[in-house]
Amino acid sequence: MSGFKILTLIAMVVLIIAGGTVFFRLVEGWSWLDSYFFTVVTLSTVGYGELVPATAIGKIGTTVFILVGLGIFAVAIQQFGAFAVRKREEHTEWLIARLGHHHRPEQDPPAANEPESPDK
């Protein structure tokens, strides 16, 4: 994953959290902390239920926020997970190359549970 892609994903997540925080602060009149908390809890699908939008626009906005924000959040999580898996694979390949291990099945000892053939 390129540096630009990582920064774009981080920026999108930060913008959606900031946008949700400002929205709930203005529409519901919650404190900045409560607005931020509700935004993160909603995006992460935890949903404690301590805060609930009381206004019609707050409820509609929350619905739109969930549909848009959750999609962005899910893509970001998926991309970071894929990045971590690729790095792990690269590290494993590097280790194998570094150790000089060349797998040769004919040199492997037989498995303990391998059945014996009748001609032995």
Protein backbone atom coordinates (compact mmCIF):
# COMPACT_ATOMS: atom_id res chain seq x y z
CA MET A 1 0.00 0.00 0.00
CA SER A 2 1.47 3.31 -1.02
CA GLY A 3 2.04 6.14 1.41
CA PHE A 4 -0.53 8.23 -0.44
CA LYS A 5 -3.17 5.52 -0.06
CA ILE A 6 -2.47 5.20 3.68
CA LEU A 7 -2.70 8.96 4.17
CA THR A 8 -5.92 9.09 2.15
CA LEU A 9 -7.51 6.36 4.28
CA ILE A 10 -6.41 8.03 7.52
CA ALA A 11 -7.68 11.39 6.28
CA MET A 12 -11.06 9.88 5.33
CA VAL A 13 -11.48 8.28 8.76
CA VAL A 14 -10.43 11.49 10.54
CA LEU A 15 -12.82 13.55 8.36
CA ILE A 16 -15.77 11.24 8.97
CA ILE A 17 -15.14 11.28 12.73
CA ALA A 18 -14.70 15.07 12.74
CA GLY A 19 -17.79 15.54 10.58
CA GLY A 20 -19.89 13.32 12.83
CA THR A 21 -18.62 15.08 15.94
CA VAL A 22 -19.49 18.52 14.57
CA PHE A 23 -22.87 17.29 13.29
CA PHE A 24 -23.96 15.87 16.65
CA ARG A 25 -22.60 18.88 18.52
CA LEU A 26 -24.68 21.25 16.37
CA VAL A 27 -27.83 19.18 15.85
CA GLU A 28 -28.17 17.44 19.21
CA GLY A 29 -26.42 20.07 21.34
CA TRP A 30 -24.20 17.49 23.02
CA SER A 31 -20.78 18.38 24.41
CA TRP A 32 -17.79 17.95 22.11
CA LEU A 33 -16.73 14.89 24.09
CA ASP A 34 -20.18 13.29 23.96
CA SER A 35 -20.46 14.05 20.23
CA TYR A 36 -17.05 12.51 19.56
CA PHE A 37 -17.84 9.51 21.76
CA PHE A 38 -21.17 8.88 20.00
CA THR A 39 -19.48 9.20 16.61
CA VAL A 40 -16.78 6.64 17.40
CA VAL A 41 -19.16 4.25 19.15
CA THR A 42 -21.54 4.42 16.18
CA LEU A 43 -18.79 3.97 13.56
CA SER A 44 -17.28 1.03 15.38
CA THR A 45 -20.75 -0.58 15.68
CA VAL A 46 -20.35 -0.90 19.46
CA GLY A 47 -23.46 1.20 20.18
CA TYR A 48 -23.54 1.50 23.97
CA GLY A 49 -26.93 3.23 23.83
CA GLU A 50 -26.02 5.85 26.44
CA LEU A 51 -26.60 8.64 23.93
CA VAL A 52 -29.48 8.59 21.48
CA PRO A 53 -30.37 11.31 18.99
CA ALA A 54 -33.57 13.04 20.09
CA THR A 55 -34.26 15.26 17.08
CA ALA A 56 -35.67 14.11 13.74
CA ILE A 57 -32.70 15.57 11.85
CA GLY A 58 -30.37 13.86 14.32
CA LYS A 59 -32.01 10.50 13.69
CA ILE A 60 -31.95 10.93 9.91
CA GLY A 61 -28.38 12.21 10.04
CA THR A 62 -27.35 9.26 12.18
CA THR A 63 -28.81 6.85 9.62
CA VAL A 64 -26.93 8.52 6.77
CA PHE A 65 -23.80 8.73 8.93
CA ILE A 66 -23.96 5.00 9.66
CA LEU A 67 -24.37 4.04 5.98
CA VAL A 68 -21.62 6.34 4.71
CA GLY A 69 -19.29 6.25 7.69
CA LEU A 70 -19.40 2.51 8.25
CA GLY A 71 -18.54 1.91 4.60
CA ILE A 72 -15.50 4.19 4.82
CA PHE A 73 -14.49 2.75 8.19
CA ALA A 74 -14.81 -0.84 6.91
CA VAL A 75 -12.71 -0.13 3.81
CA ALA A 76 -10.02 1.49 5.96
CA ILE A 77 -9.92 -1.48 8.36
CA GLN A 78 -9.82 -3.95 5.44
CA GLN A 79 -6.98 -2.07 3.73
CA PHE A 80 -4.92 -1.87 6.91
CA GLY A 81 -5.50 -5.59 7.49
CA ALA A 82 -4.41 -6.42 3.93
CA PHE A 83 -1.34 -4.23 4.41
CA ALA A 84 -0.43 -6.09 7.62
CA VAL A 85 -0.84 -9.47 5.90
CA ARG A 86 1.38 -8.38 2.99
CA LYS A 87 4.07 -7.15 5.39
CA ARG A 88 3.93 -10.45 7.27
CA GLU A 89 4.31 -12.39 4.01
CA GLU A 90 7.25 -10.20 2.94
CA HIS A 91 8.89 -10.72 6.32
CA THR A 92 8.39 -14.48 6.11
CA GLU A 93 9.89 -14.57 2.61
CA TRP A 94 12.82 -12.48 3.83
CA LEU A 95 13.39 -14.87 6.75
CA ILE A 96 13.31 -17.91 4.49
CA ALA A 97 15.78 -16.28 2.09
CA ARG A 98 17.97 -15.14 4.98
CA LEU A 99 18.08 -18.58 6.57
CA GLY A 100 18.77 -20.22 3.23
CA HIS A 101 16.17 -22.91 3.80
CA HIS A 102 15.43 -24.81 0.64
CA HIS A 103 12.58 -27.23 1.01
CA ARG A 104 13.36 -30.63 -0.49
CA PRO A 105 10.61 -33.16 0.23
CA GLU A 106 12.93 -36.12 -0.37
CA GLN A 107 15.09 -34.96 2.56
CA ASP A 108 12.22 -34.60 4.98
CA PRO A 109 11.90 -37.30 7.62
CA PRO A 110 8.74 -39.40 7.28
CA ALA A 111 5.74 -38.26 9.24
CA ALA A 112 5.03 -40.17 12.44
CA ASN A 113 1.54 -41.00 11.26
CA GLU A 114 2.53 -41.99 7.71
CA PRO A 115 1.30 -45.51 6.92
CA GLU A 116 3.93 -48.08 6.04
CA SER A 117 3.76 -49.55 2.58
CA PRO A 118 3.51 -53.36 2.27
CA ASP A 119 6.80 -53.65 0.38
CA LYS A 120 8.91 -52.50 3.35
